[in-house]
Amino acid sequence: MARKRGEARGPTLFDFVEVKKQEEKRREARDASEELYQFIKSAGRVSKEEAAKWAKNRGLSTAEFFKALENLLSQRKIRKRLDDEGNLIYEAVG
């Protein structure tokens, strides 16, 4: 059956999915630099895997996690090194 011009269509499943995507986009990225710094400082040394696990438990996205790492590295609050086994570790400076 053809629709008349100007007739509104009812909601569909795709409308719900689109609304959910818009809500996800609106979620603001939080700056977790200070939290991450405190974690690394309290542990002394943290492997990349431990730091990623910590971020995941805190609900940080991968982008937020790496942004926090880059902020700390650029501020020279932490440094990254390779341990004896060749694993990447992060250390608090000072």
C-alpha atoms as a PDB file:
ATOM      1  CA  MET A   1       0.000   0.000   0.000  1.00  0.00           C
ATOM      2  CA  ALA A   2       1.423   3.357  -0.990  1.00  0.00           C
ATOM      3  CA  ARG A   3       1.862   6.014   1.649  1.00  0.00           C
ATOM      4  CA  LYS A   4       0.347   9.391   1.322  1.00  0.00           C
ATOM      5  CA  ARG A   5       2.652  12.321   1.192  1.00  0.00           C
ATOM      6  CA  GLY A   6       3.406  13.721   4.632  1.00  0.00           C
ATOM      7  CA  GLU A   7       2.303  10.575   6.412  1.00  0.00           C
ATOM      8  CA  ALA A   8       4.606   9.803   9.324  1.00  0.00           C
ATOM      9  CA  ARG A   9       6.068   6.350   9.553  1.00  0.00           C
ATOM     10  CA  GLY A  10       6.115   4.357  12.749  1.00  0.00           C
ATOM     11  CA  PRO A  11       9.255   3.546  14.716  1.00  0.00           C
ATOM     12  CA  THR A  12      11.444   0.699  13.542  1.00  0.00           C
ATOM     13  CA  LEU A  13      14.243  -1.300  15.096  1.00  0.00           C
ATOM     14  CA  PHE A  14      16.760   0.801  13.181  1.00  0.00           C
ATOM     15  CA  ASP A  15      15.507   3.978  14.858  1.00  0.00           C
ATOM     16  CA  PHE A  16      16.444   2.487  18.224  1.00  0.00           C
ATOM     17  CA  VAL A  17      19.918   1.524  16.999  1.00  0.00           C
ATOM     18  CA  GLU A  18      20.549   5.013  15.601  1.00  0.00           C
ATOM     19  CA  VAL A  19      19.559   6.652  18.891  1.00  0.00           C
ATOM     20  CA  LYS A  20      21.936   4.373  20.782  1.00  0.00           C
ATOM     21  CA  LYS A  21      24.815   5.263  18.418  1.00  0.00           C
ATOM     22  CA  GLN A  22      24.196   8.971  18.969  1.00  0.00           C
ATOM     23  CA  GLU A  23      24.266   8.471  22.748  1.00  0.00           C
ATOM     24  CA  GLU A  24      27.591   6.641  22.484  1.00  0.00           C
ATOM     25  CA  LYS A  25      29.087   9.469  20.422  1.00  0.00           C
ATOM     26  CA  ARG A  26      28.022  12.006  23.032  1.00  0.00           C
ATOM     27  CA  ARG A  27      29.937  10.210  25.773  1.00  0.00           C
ATOM     28  CA  GLU A  28      32.766  12.522  26.665  1.00  0.00           C
ATOM     29  CA  ALA A  29      36.262  11.169  26.904  1.00  0.00           C
ATOM     30  CA  ARG A  30      37.519  11.483  30.426  1.00  0.00           C
ATOM     31  CA  ASP A  31      41.077  12.341  31.283  1.00  0.00           C
ATOM     32  CA  ALA A  32      42.421   9.492  33.380  1.00  0.00           C
ATOM     33  CA  SER A  33      46.013  10.709  33.392  1.00  0.00           C
ATOM     34  CA  GLU A  34      46.143  11.453  37.103  1.00  0.00           C
ATOM     35  CA  GLU A  35      44.480   8.159  38.059  1.00  0.00           C
ATOM     36  CA  LEU A  36      46.900   6.237  35.852  1.00  0.00           C
ATOM     37  CA  TYR A  37      49.865   8.154  37.263  1.00  0.00           C
ATOM     38  CA  GLN A  38      48.834   7.298  40.823  1.00  0.00           C
ATOM     39  CA  PHE A  39      48.507   3.629  39.856  1.00  0.00           C
ATOM     40  CA  ILE A  40      51.960   3.525  38.257  1.00  0.00           C
ATOM     41  CA  LYS A  41      53.511   5.529  41.095  1.00  0.00           C
ATOM     42  CA  SER A  42      52.067   3.246  43.780  1.00  0.00           C
ATOM     43  CA  ALA A  43      53.259   0.109  41.984  1.00  0.00           C
ATOM     44  CA  GLY A  44      56.644   1.536  41.005  1.00  0.00           C
ATOM     45  CA  ARG A  45      56.757  -0.443  37.755  1.00  0.00           C
ATOM     46  CA  VAL A  46      53.805  -1.568  35.687  1.00  0.00           C
ATOM     47  CA  SER A  47      53.843  -3.709  32.567  1.00  0.00           C
ATOM     48  CA  LYS A  48      51.810  -2.677  29.570  1.00  0.00           C
ATOM     49  CA  GLU A  49      49.496  -5.647  30.166  1.00  0.00           C
ATOM     50  CA  GLU A  50      48.931  -4.705  33.822  1.00  0.00           C
ATOM     51  CA  ALA A  51      48.190  -1.108  32.860  1.00  0.00           C
ATOM     52  CA  ALA A  52      45.758  -2.215  30.148  1.00  0.00           C
ATOM     53  CA  LYS A  53      44.011  -4.547  32.603  1.00  0.00           C
ATOM     54  CA  TRP A  54      43.756  -1.688  35.117  1.00  0.00           C
ATOM     55  CA  ALA A  55      42.232   0.582  32.453  1.00  0.00           C
ATOM     56  CA  LYS A  56      39.751  -2.083  31.410  1.00  0.00           C
ATOM     57  CA  ASN A  57      38.640  -2.595  35.020  1.00  0.00           C
ATOM     58  CA  ARG A  58      38.104   1.162  35.312  1.00  0.00           C
ATOM     59  CA  GLY A  59      35.967   1.214  32.166  1.00  0.00           C
ATOM     60  CA  LEU A  60      38.373   3.298  30.090  1.00  0.00           C
ATOM     61  CA  SER A  61      38.282   2.941  26.344  1.00  0.00           C
ATOM     62  CA  THR A  62      41.497   2.037  24.568  1.00  0.00           C
ATOM     63  CA  ALA A  63      41.712   5.559  23.157  1.00  0.00           C
ATOM     64  CA  GLU A  64      41.300   7.131  26.612  1.00  0.00           C
ATOM     65  CA  PHE A  65      43.952   4.796  28.020  1.00  0.00           C
ATOM     66  CA  PHE A  66      46.532   5.592  25.352  1.00  0.00           C
ATOM     67  CA  LYS A  67      45.749   9.304  25.522  1.00  0.00           C
ATOM     68  CA  ALA A  68      46.415   9.236  29.275  1.00  0.00           C
ATOM     69  CA  LEU A  69      49.699   7.387  28.683  1.00  0.00           C
ATOM     70  CA  GLU A  70      50.788   9.883  26.033  1.00  0.00           C
ATOM     71  CA  ASN A  71      49.925  12.806  28.326  1.00  0.00           C
ATOM     72  CA  LEU A  72      52.023  11.350  31.146  1.00  0.00           C
ATOM     73  CA  LEU A  73      54.915  10.564  28.809  1.00  0.00           C
ATOM     74  CA  SER A  74      54.889  14.062  27.295  1.00  0.00           C
ATOM     75  CA  GLN A  75      54.787  15.623  30.786  1.00  0.00           C
ATOM     76  CA  ARG A  76      57.715  13.361  31.722  1.00  0.00           C
ATOM     77  CA  LYS A  77      55.870  11.987  34.743  1.00  0.00           C
ATOM     78  CA  ILE A  78      56.468   8.425  33.548  1.00  0.00           C
ATOM     79  CA  ARG A  79      58.890   6.746  31.203  1.00  0.00           C
ATOM     80  CA  LYS A  80      58.628   3.576  29.200  1.00  0.00           C
ATOM     81  CA  ARG A  81      61.335   0.977  29.103  1.00  0.00           C
ATOM     82  CA  LEU A  82      61.897  -2.631  28.181  1.00  0.00           C
ATOM     83  CA  ASP A  83      62.521  -5.082  31.004  1.00  0.00           C
ATOM     84  CA  ASP A  84      65.004  -7.970  30.866  1.00  0.00           C
ATOM     85  CA  GLU A  85      62.495 -10.147  29.031  1.00  0.00           C
ATOM     86  CA  GLY A  86      61.738  -7.503  26.418  1.00  0.00           C
ATOM     87  CA  ASN A  87      58.321  -6.531  27.807  1.00  0.00           C
ATOM     88  CA  LEU A  88      57.270  -2.894  27.783  1.00  0.00           C
ATOM     89  CA  ILE A  89      57.010  -1.404  31.269  1.00  0.00           C
ATOM     90  CA  TYR A  90      56.091   2.020  32.604  1.00  0.00           C
ATOM     91  CA  GLU A  91      57.918   3.620  35.543  1.00  0.00           C
ATOM     92  CA  ALA A  92      57.109   6.712  37.547  1.00  0.00           C
ATOM     93  CA  VAL A  93      59.838   9.345  37.293  1.00  0.00           C
ATOM     94  CA  GLY A  94      61.213  10.745  40.514  1.00  0.00           C
END
